[in-house]
Amino acid sequence: KYCPAIAEDSANDFINFSRMINGKKNGDLFKYGEVQADGRMLYRLLADIDFKNVDSENLLPIGYMYSPSRIFTDIFDGLGHTISNLTIPDKSINNNVQKNYSGIFGQIGVNGIVKNLKITKASTVKEPTCNRIGILAAYNEGTIENCSVDNSTINCIEDYHAGFICAS
């Protein structure tokens, strides 16, 4: 059986996925995932992704709080793969949205699941402006299981929320 997936060894493919899921790039999300019985999409990461020689400035937080239709409520399965050398961008989805949430995932909703993902050698920008910074997720209401972040650095402003797995 064919299993659609994200980022077959391509950091740029992962960036395109982040932009597509947030409605900032045209494309077919079914290229990346498959519909489950409950109607949610299942996205799989089939290979390790190294951002060492890739500008991650165009990466968008997957799912964002200020639009209920864009909160991540699907399933992301890293299948035990690693994302490495990623600099978490300090940017907004658009001029007025997401300025406060920075991470690979912006907001994981109540029914959202992120699992089986390793992140290593990640960092935030040196002088971030976001008040919630998480390497994996800025804000979580869902389920994060079997995920790890190691050998990573978070820079943040005093009294802001920060965390390697989740900021809040």
N, C-alpha and C. Protein backbone atom coordinates (compact mmCIF):
# COMPACT_ATOMS: atom_id res chain seq x y z
N LYS A 1 0.84 -1.18 0.00
CA LYS A 1 0.00 0.00 0.00
C LYS A 1 0.88 1.24 0.00
N TYR A 2 0.56 2.19 -0.81
CA TYR A 2 1.29 3.46 -0.87
C TYR A 2 0.96 4.30 0.36
N CYS A 3 1.99 4.78 1.03
CA CYS A 3 1.81 5.64 2.20
C CYS A 3 2.36 7.01 1.89
N PRO A 4 1.51 8.00 1.67
CA PRO A 4 2.02 9.35 1.48
C PRO A 4 2.81 9.78 2.70
N ALA A 5 3.76 10.67 2.53
CA ALA A 5 4.59 11.08 3.66
C ALA A 5 5.21 12.44 3.43
N ILE A 6 5.76 12.97 4.50
CA ILE A 6 6.41 14.26 4.49
C ILE A 6 7.90 14.08 4.35
N ALA A 7 8.50 14.95 3.60
CA ALA A 7 9.93 15.18 3.64
C ALA A 7 10.76 13.93 3.47
N GLU A 8 10.67 13.38 2.32
CA GLU A 8 11.52 12.23 2.05
C GLU A 8 12.95 12.74 1.89
N ASP A 9 13.59 12.97 3.02
CA ASP A 9 14.97 13.44 3.10
C ASP A 9 15.15 14.85 2.55
N SER A 10 14.18 15.71 2.74
CA SER A 10 14.28 17.05 2.20
C SER A 10 13.77 18.09 3.19
N ALA A 11 14.67 18.95 3.65
CA ALA A 11 14.27 20.04 4.54
C ALA A 11 13.32 20.99 3.81
N ASN A 12 13.56 21.21 2.53
CA ASN A 12 12.68 22.10 1.76
C ASN A 12 11.28 21.52 1.62
N ASP A 13 11.17 20.21 1.52
CA ASP A 13 9.86 19.56 1.48
C ASP A 13 9.12 19.79 2.80
N PHE A 14 9.85 19.71 3.91
CA PHE A 14 9.25 19.96 5.22
C PHE A 14 8.78 21.41 5.33
N ILE A 15 9.57 22.35 4.84
CA ILE A 15 9.17 23.76 4.82
C ILE A 15 7.92 23.92 3.97
N ASN A 16 7.88 23.30 2.80
CA ASN A 16 6.69 23.38 1.94
C ASN A 16 5.46 22.82 2.65
N PHE A 17 5.64 21.71 3.37
CA PHE A 17 4.54 21.13 4.15
C PHE A 17 4.03 22.13 5.18
N SER A 18 4.94 22.79 5.91
CA SER A 18 4.52 23.75 6.93
C SER A 18 3.74 24.91 6.33
N ARG A 19 4.12 25.32 5.15
CA ARG A 19 3.43 26.42 4.48
C ARG A 19 2.08 25.97 3.92
N MET A 20 2.04 24.75 3.41
CA MET A 20 0.79 24.23 2.85
C MET A 20 -0.26 24.02 3.94
N ILE A 21 0.16 23.44 5.06
CA ILE A 21 -0.80 23.14 6.12
C ILE A 21 -1.36 24.43 6.73
N ASN A 22 -0.61 25.51 6.64
CA ASN A 22 -1.08 26.80 7.15
C ASN A 22 -1.74 27.65 6.08
N GLY A 23 -1.94 27.09 4.90
CA GLY A 23 -2.65 27.81 3.84
C GLY A 23 -1.84 28.90 3.17
N LYS A 24 -0.52 28.86 3.30
CA LYS A 24 0.33 29.89 2.71
C LYS A 24 1.00 29.43 1.43
N LYS A 25 0.69 28.24 0.98
CA LYS A 25 1.24 27.72 -0.27
C LYS A 25 0.19 26.80 -0.87
N ASN A 26 -0.03 26.92 -2.14
CA ASN A 26 -0.97 26.03 -2.82
C ASN A 26 -0.34 24.66 -2.98
N GLY A 27 -1.16 23.66 -2.92
CA GLY A 27 -0.66 22.31 -3.10
C GLY A 27 -1.64 21.31 -2.54
N ASP A 28 -1.29 20.08 -2.62
CA ASP A 28 -2.16 18.99 -2.21
C ASP A 28 -1.65 18.36 -0.93
N LEU A 29 -2.35 18.61 0.19
CA LEU A 29 -1.93 18.01 1.46
C LEU A 29 -1.99 16.49 1.40
N PHE A 30 -2.77 15.94 0.50
CA PHE A 30 -2.83 14.49 0.38
C PHE A 30 -1.51 13.91 -0.14
N LYS A 31 -0.68 14.77 -0.72
CA LYS A 31 0.67 14.35 -1.10
C LYS A 31 1.44 13.94 0.15
N TYR A 32 1.12 14.57 1.27
CA TYR A 32 1.86 14.35 2.51
C TYR A 32 1.16 13.41 3.49
N GLY A 33 -0.13 13.22 3.36
CA GLY A 33 -0.82 12.45 4.39
C GLY A 33 -1.98 11.64 3.84
N GLU A 34 -2.60 10.92 4.74
CA GLU A 34 -3.76 10.12 4.36
C GLU A 34 -4.86 10.31 5.40
N VAL A 35 -6.10 10.24 4.95
CA VAL A 35 -7.24 10.44 5.83
C VAL A 35 -7.47 9.18 6.67
N GLN A 36 -7.66 9.40 7.97
CA GLN A 36 -7.96 8.31 8.89
C GLN A 36 -9.47 8.14 9.02
N ALA A 37 -9.90 7.06 9.66
CA ALA A 37 -11.32 6.76 9.82
C ALA A 37 -12.06 7.89 10.54
N ASP A 38 -11.37 8.59 11.46
CA ASP A 38 -12.02 9.66 12.21
C ASP A 38 -11.99 11.00 11.47
N GLY A 39 -11.47 11.01 10.24
CA GLY A 39 -11.45 12.22 9.44
C GLY A 39 -10.18 13.04 9.57
N ARG A 40 -9.33 12.72 10.55
CA ARG A 40 -8.07 13.45 10.70
C ARG A 40 -7.06 12.94 9.67
N MET A 41 -6.12 13.79 9.35
CA MET A 41 -5.03 13.39 8.46
C MET A 41 -3.90 12.80 9.29
N LEU A 42 -3.22 11.81 8.74
CA LEU A 42 -2.02 11.23 9.34
C LEU A 42 -0.85 11.60 8.45
N TYR A 43 0.14 12.31 9.02
CA TYR A 43 1.34 12.70 8.30
C TYR A 43 2.50 11.91 8.87
N ARG A 44 3.32 11.33 8.00
CA ARG A 44 4.47 10.52 8.43
C ARG A 44 5.76 11.14 7.92
N LEU A 45 6.77 11.10 8.74
CA LEU A 45 8.11 11.53 8.35
C LEU A 45 8.90 10.28 8.01
N LEU A 46 9.36 10.14 6.78
CA LEU A 46 9.99 8.89 6.34
C LEU A 46 11.50 8.87 6.45
N ALA A 47 12.11 10.01 6.74
CA ALA A 47 13.57 10.06 6.81
C ALA A 47 14.00 11.16 7.77
N ASP A 48 15.24 11.07 8.24
CA ASP A 48 15.81 12.15 9.02
C ASP A 48 15.92 13.39 8.13
N ILE A 49 15.79 14.56 8.76
CA ILE A 49 15.91 15.82 8.02
C ILE A 49 16.99 16.66 8.69
N ASP A 50 17.95 17.11 7.90
CA ASP A 50 19.03 17.95 8.39
C ASP A 50 18.92 19.32 7.75
N PHE A 51 18.75 20.35 8.58
CA PHE A 51 18.62 21.72 8.10
C PHE A 51 19.97 22.44 8.05
N LYS A 52 21.07 21.70 8.18
CA LYS A 52 22.40 22.31 8.27
C LYS A 52 22.68 23.30 7.15
N ASN A 53 22.37 22.98 5.93
CA ASN A 53 22.65 23.86 4.79
C ASN A 53 21.39 24.45 4.18
N VAL A 54 20.33 24.56 5.00
CA VAL A 54 19.05 25.06 4.50
C VAL A 54 18.62 26.25 5.35
N ASP A 55 18.20 27.32 4.70
CA ASP A 55 17.68 28.48 5.41
C ASP A 55 16.26 28.16 5.86
N SER A 56 16.05 28.11 7.16
CA SER A 56 14.74 27.74 7.69
C SER A 56 13.82 28.94 7.88
N GLU A 57 14.20 30.08 7.37
CA GLU A 57 13.41 31.31 7.52
C GLU A 57 11.99 31.16 6.99
N ASN A 58 11.78 30.33 5.99
CA ASN A 58 10.43 30.16 5.42
C ASN A 58 9.59 29.10 6.13
N LEU A 59 10.16 28.43 7.12
CA LEU A 59 9.39 27.46 7.90
C LEU A 59 8.35 28.21 8.72
N LEU A 60 7.12 27.74 8.71
CA LEU A 60 6.06 28.33 9.53
C LEU A 60 5.69 27.37 10.64
N PRO A 61 5.32 27.88 11.82
CA PRO A 61 4.84 26.99 12.87
C PRO A 61 3.63 26.22 12.34
N ILE A 62 3.64 24.92 12.50
CA ILE A 62 2.55 24.08 12.00
C ILE A 62 1.35 24.23 12.93
N GLY A 63 0.32 24.87 12.46
CA GLY A 63 -0.86 25.14 13.27
C GLY A 63 -0.68 26.42 14.06
N TYR A 64 -1.68 27.28 14.03
CA TYR A 64 -1.56 28.51 14.81
C TYR A 64 -2.87 28.86 15.50
N MET A 65 -2.72 29.51 16.65
CA MET A 65 -3.80 29.70 17.60
C MET A 65 -4.92 30.60 17.13
N TYR A 66 -4.62 31.62 16.39
CA TYR A 66 -5.62 32.65 16.13
C TYR A 66 -6.57 32.32 14.99
N SER A 67 -6.53 31.11 14.50
CA SER A 67 -7.47 30.67 13.48
C SER A 67 -7.86 29.23 13.78
N PRO A 68 -9.07 29.01 14.32
CA PRO A 68 -9.47 27.65 14.68
C PRO A 68 -9.31 26.63 13.56
N SER A 69 -9.44 27.07 12.32
CA SER A 69 -9.30 26.12 11.21
C SER A 69 -7.84 25.76 10.94
N ARG A 70 -6.90 26.45 11.57
CA ARG A 70 -5.49 26.20 11.33
C ARG A 70 -4.76 25.57 12.53
N ILE A 71 -5.44 25.41 13.66
CA ILE A 71 -4.84 24.71 14.80
C ILE A 71 -4.56 23.28 14.36
N PHE A 72 -3.41 22.72 14.73
CA PHE A 72 -3.07 21.36 14.30
C PHE A 72 -3.88 20.36 15.11
N THR A 73 -4.83 19.70 14.46
CA THR A 73 -5.68 18.71 15.12
C THR A 73 -5.55 17.33 14.46
N ASP A 74 -4.52 17.17 13.65
CA ASP A 74 -4.30 15.91 12.95
C ASP A 74 -3.26 15.08 13.70
N ILE A 75 -2.65 14.13 13.02
CA ILE A 75 -1.65 13.25 13.62
C ILE A 75 -0.35 13.39 12.84
N PHE A 76 0.73 13.67 13.55
CA PHE A 76 2.06 13.72 12.94
C PHE A 76 2.89 12.62 13.58
N ASP A 77 3.33 11.66 12.79
CA ASP A 77 4.15 10.56 13.28
C ASP A 77 5.54 10.67 12.69
N GLY A 78 6.52 10.97 13.53
CA GLY A 78 7.90 11.09 13.09
C GLY A 78 8.56 9.76 12.80
N LEU A 79 7.91 8.65 13.16
CA LEU A 79 8.41 7.30 12.92
C LEU A 79 9.83 7.11 13.47
N GLY A 80 10.16 7.86 14.54
CA GLY A 80 11.48 7.73 15.17
C GLY A 80 12.58 8.50 14.47
N HIS A 81 12.23 9.29 13.46
CA HIS A 81 13.24 10.06 12.72
C HIS A 81 13.62 11.34 13.46
N THR A 82 14.71 11.95 13.01
CA THR A 82 15.29 13.12 13.67
C THR A 82 15.29 14.33 12.75
N ILE A 83 14.91 15.46 13.31
CA ILE A 83 15.08 16.76 12.65
C ILE A 83 16.27 17.41 13.35
N SER A 84 17.29 17.80 12.59
CA SER A 84 18.49 18.36 13.22
C SER A 84 18.91 19.68 12.58
N ASN A 85 19.67 20.43 13.37
CA ASN A 85 20.28 21.70 12.93
C ASN A 85 19.26 22.73 12.46
N LEU A 86 18.10 22.74 13.07
CA LEU A 86 17.02 23.67 12.70
C LEU A 86 17.10 24.91 13.57
N THR A 87 17.05 26.08 12.96
CA THR A 87 16.87 27.33 13.68
C THR A 87 15.39 27.68 13.60
N ILE A 88 14.73 27.72 14.76
CA ILE A 88 13.30 28.03 14.80
C ILE A 88 13.11 29.50 14.41
N PRO A 89 12.40 29.78 13.34
CA PRO A 89 12.21 31.17 12.92
C PRO A 89 11.40 31.97 13.95
N ASP A 90 11.68 33.23 14.03
CA ASP A 90 10.95 34.15 14.90
C ASP A 90 10.15 35.05 13.97
N LYS A 91 9.04 34.52 13.48
CA LYS A 91 8.27 35.27 12.49
C LYS A 91 6.80 34.97 12.64
N SER A 92 6.00 35.71 11.95
CA SER A 92 4.57 35.53 12.03
C SER A 92 4.03 34.86 10.77
N ILE A 93 2.87 34.24 10.92
CA ILE A 93 2.19 33.64 9.77
C ILE A 93 1.80 34.74 8.78
N ASN A 94 1.29 35.83 9.30
CA ASN A 94 1.03 37.00 8.47
C ASN A 94 1.27 38.22 9.36
N ASN A 95 0.88 39.39 8.95
CA ASN A 95 1.21 40.59 9.71
C ASN A 95 0.59 40.64 11.10
N ASN A 96 -0.53 39.97 11.33
CA ASN A 96 -1.21 40.10 12.61
C ASN A 96 -1.39 38.79 13.37
N VAL A 97 -0.96 37.69 12.82
CA VAL A 97 -1.24 36.39 13.41
C VAL A 97 0.06 35.69 13.78
N GLN A 98 0.03 34.99 14.89
CA GLN A 98 1.09 34.09 15.31
C GLN A 98 2.36 34.78 15.79
N LYS A 99 2.32 36.06 16.03
CA LYS A 99 3.54 36.74 16.46
C LYS A 99 4.05 36.23 17.79
N ASN A 100 3.21 35.61 18.58
CA ASN A 100 3.63 35.20 19.91
C ASN A 100 3.98 33.72 20.03
N TYR A 101 3.87 32.94 18.98
CA TYR A 101 4.08 31.50 19.05
C TYR A 101 5.14 31.05 18.07
N SER A 102 6.21 30.47 18.59
CA SER A 102 7.30 30.02 17.74
C SER A 102 7.70 28.60 18.11
N GLY A 103 7.82 27.74 17.13
CA GLY A 103 8.22 26.36 17.32
C GLY A 103 7.97 25.60 16.02
N ILE A 104 8.36 24.34 15.97
CA ILE A 104 8.02 23.54 14.79
C ILE A 104 6.50 23.49 14.67
N PHE A 105 5.82 23.30 15.81
CA PHE A 105 4.36 23.38 15.86
C PHE A 105 4.00 24.64 16.62
N GLY A 106 3.09 25.44 16.07
CA GLY A 106 2.63 26.64 16.76
C GLY A 106 1.64 26.27 17.85
N GLN A 107 0.54 25.62 17.47
CA GLN A 107 -0.43 25.14 18.44
C GLN A 107 -0.93 23.76 18.03
N ILE A 108 -0.84 22.84 18.97
CA ILE A 108 -1.41 21.50 18.81
C ILE A 108 -2.74 21.53 19.53
N GLY A 109 -3.82 21.30 18.81
CA GLY A 109 -5.17 21.35 19.38
C GLY A 109 -5.51 20.12 20.20
N VAL A 110 -6.67 20.14 20.82
CA VAL A 110 -7.13 19.10 21.74
C VAL A 110 -7.01 17.70 21.12
N ASN A 111 -7.37 17.53 19.87
CA ASN A 111 -7.33 16.22 19.24
C ASN A 111 -6.03 15.95 18.48
N GLY A 112 -5.11 16.92 18.48
CA GLY A 112 -3.86 16.76 17.75
C GLY A 112 -2.90 15.82 18.45
N ILE A 113 -2.13 15.08 17.66
CA ILE A 113 -1.14 14.16 18.20
C ILE A 113 0.17 14.36 17.44
N VAL A 114 1.25 14.52 18.18
CA VAL A 114 2.59 14.54 17.63
C VAL A 114 3.36 13.45 18.37
N LYS A 115 3.95 12.52 17.59
CA LYS A 115 4.60 11.39 18.26
C LYS A 115 5.83 10.92 17.48
N ASN A 116 6.68 10.22 18.24
CA ASN A 116 7.84 9.51 17.67
C ASN A 116 8.78 10.41 16.88
N LEU A 117 9.09 11.57 17.43
CA LEU A 117 9.95 12.53 16.75
C LEU A 117 11.12 12.92 17.65
N LYS A 118 12.31 12.96 17.08
CA LYS A 118 13.50 13.41 17.79
C LYS A 118 13.98 14.70 17.15
N ILE A 119 14.39 15.63 18.00
CA ILE A 119 14.93 16.89 17.52
C ILE A 119 16.27 17.08 18.20
N THR A 120 17.29 17.40 17.42
CA THR A 120 18.61 17.61 17.99
C THR A 120 19.29 18.81 17.33
N LYS A 121 20.14 19.46 18.09
CA LYS A 121 20.92 20.60 17.61
C LYS A 121 20.03 21.69 17.03
N ALA A 122 18.91 21.94 17.68
CA ALA A 122 18.00 23.01 17.26
C ALA A 122 18.28 24.25 18.11
N SER A 123 17.87 25.38 17.62
CA SER A 123 18.03 26.62 18.38
C SER A 123 16.98 27.63 17.94
N THR A 124 16.82 28.64 18.75
CA THR A 124 15.98 29.77 18.37
C THR A 124 16.90 30.87 17.89
N VAL A 125 16.34 31.90 17.28
CA VAL A 125 17.16 33.04 16.88
C VAL A 125 17.73 33.69 18.13
N LYS A 126 18.79 34.46 17.99
CA LYS A 126 19.49 35.03 19.15
C LYS A 126 18.64 36.04 19.93
N GLU A 127 17.80 36.80 19.26
CA GLU A 127 16.97 37.80 19.93
C GLU A 127 15.52 37.67 19.49
N PRO A 128 14.83 36.64 19.97
CA PRO A 128 13.45 36.42 19.54
C PRO A 128 12.48 37.44 20.12
N THR A 129 11.38 37.65 19.43
CA THR A 129 10.34 38.55 19.92
C THR A 129 9.10 37.80 20.38
N CYS A 130 9.01 36.51 20.06
CA CYS A 130 7.85 35.71 20.45
C CYS A 130 7.84 35.50 21.96
N ASN A 131 6.63 35.50 22.57
CA ASN A 131 6.58 35.29 24.01
C ASN A 131 6.30 33.85 24.40
N ARG A 132 6.10 32.96 23.42
CA ARG A 132 6.01 31.52 23.68
C ARG A 132 6.89 30.83 22.65
N ILE A 133 7.98 30.24 23.14
CA ILE A 133 8.93 29.59 22.25
C ILE A 133 9.15 28.16 22.73
N GLY A 134 8.82 27.22 21.89
CA GLY A 134 9.11 25.82 22.16
C GLY A 134 9.80 25.22 20.95
N ILE A 135 10.82 24.44 21.18
CA ILE A 135 11.47 23.83 20.03
C ILE A 135 10.46 22.94 19.29
N LEU A 136 9.79 22.04 20.00
CA LEU A 136 8.78 21.20 19.35
C LEU A 136 7.48 21.97 19.17
N ALA A 137 6.93 22.55 20.24
CA ALA A 137 5.64 23.24 20.15
C ALA A 137 5.61 24.46 21.06
N ALA A 138 4.95 25.50 20.59
CA ALA A 138 4.77 26.70 21.41
C ALA A 138 3.62 26.50 22.39
N TYR A 139 2.55 25.85 21.94
CA TYR A 139 1.35 25.70 22.77
C TYR A 139 0.74 24.34 22.48
N ASN A 140 0.42 23.59 23.53
CA ASN A 140 -0.11 22.25 23.35
C ASN A 140 -1.36 22.01 24.19
N GLU A 141 -2.42 21.57 23.53
CA GLU A 141 -3.62 21.11 24.22
C GLU A 141 -3.88 19.63 23.89
N GLY A 142 -3.06 19.08 23.03
CA GLY A 142 -3.26 17.71 22.54
C GLY A 142 -2.33 16.72 23.21
N THR A 143 -1.80 15.81 22.41
CA THR A 143 -0.94 14.74 22.90
C THR A 143 0.42 14.80 22.22
N ILE A 144 1.45 14.83 23.04
CA ILE A 144 2.82 14.69 22.56
C ILE A 144 3.36 13.45 23.23
N GLU A 145 3.78 12.46 22.41
CA GLU A 145 4.27 11.22 23.00
C GLU A 145 5.52 10.73 22.28
N ASN A 146 6.44 10.20 23.07
CA ASN A 146 7.67 9.62 22.56
C ASN A 146 8.45 10.61 21.69
N CYS A 147 8.54 11.86 22.13
CA CYS A 147 9.30 12.89 21.43
C CYS A 147 10.43 13.36 22.33
N SER A 148 11.53 13.78 21.73
CA SER A 148 12.65 14.27 22.53
C SER A 148 13.33 15.44 21.83
N VAL A 149 13.94 16.29 22.64
CA VAL A 149 14.75 17.40 22.16
C VAL A 149 16.05 17.34 22.94
N ASP A 150 17.17 17.28 22.22
CA ASP A 150 18.45 17.27 22.93
C ASP A 150 19.47 18.15 22.21
N ASN A 151 20.50 18.52 22.96
CA ASN A 151 21.61 19.32 22.45
C ASN A 151 21.09 20.56 21.71
N SER A 152 20.12 21.25 22.32
CA SER A 152 19.47 22.40 21.69
C SER A 152 19.52 23.62 22.60
N THR A 153 19.27 24.80 22.03
CA THR A 153 19.37 26.06 22.76
C THR A 153 18.14 26.92 22.51
N ILE A 154 17.60 27.48 23.60
CA ILE A 154 16.49 28.43 23.49
C ILE A 154 16.95 29.78 24.03
N ASN A 155 16.77 30.80 23.23
CA ASN A 155 16.98 32.18 23.66
C ASN A 155 15.59 32.78 23.82
N CYS A 156 15.36 33.49 24.92
CA CYS A 156 14.07 34.14 25.08
C CYS A 156 14.19 35.36 25.98
N ILE A 157 13.17 36.17 25.94
CA ILE A 157 13.10 37.37 26.75
C ILE A 157 12.61 36.98 28.14
N GLU A 158 13.12 37.64 29.16
CA GLU A 158 12.72 37.35 30.54
C GLU A 158 11.21 37.41 30.69
N ASP A 159 10.67 36.51 31.49
CA ASP A 159 9.24 36.39 31.77
C ASP A 159 8.42 35.84 30.61
N TYR A 160 9.05 35.37 29.57
CA TYR A 160 8.33 34.72 28.48
C TYR A 160 8.31 33.23 28.71
N HIS A 161 7.42 32.53 28.04
CA HIS A 161 7.30 31.08 28.17
C HIS A 161 8.27 30.41 27.20
N ALA A 162 9.03 29.45 27.68
CA ALA A 162 9.96 28.72 26.83
C ALA A 162 10.06 27.28 27.28
N GLY A 163 10.26 26.38 26.35
CA GLY A 163 10.44 24.98 26.67
C GLY A 163 10.95 24.20 25.49
N PHE A 164 11.69 23.15 25.77
CA PHE A 164 12.23 22.36 24.68
C PHE A 164 11.13 21.54 24.00
N ILE A 165 10.30 20.86 24.76
CA ILE A 165 9.18 20.13 24.17
C ILE A 165 8.02 21.09 23.91
N CYS A 166 7.66 21.88 24.91
CA CYS A 166 6.51 22.77 24.78
C CYS A 166 6.67 23.99 25.70
N ALA A 167 6.30 25.16 25.20
CA ALA A 167 6.39 26.37 26.01
C ALA A 167 5.21 26.50 26.96
N SER A 168 4.04 26.13 26.53
CA SER A 168 2.85 26.17 27.42
C SER A 168 1.74 25.34 26.84
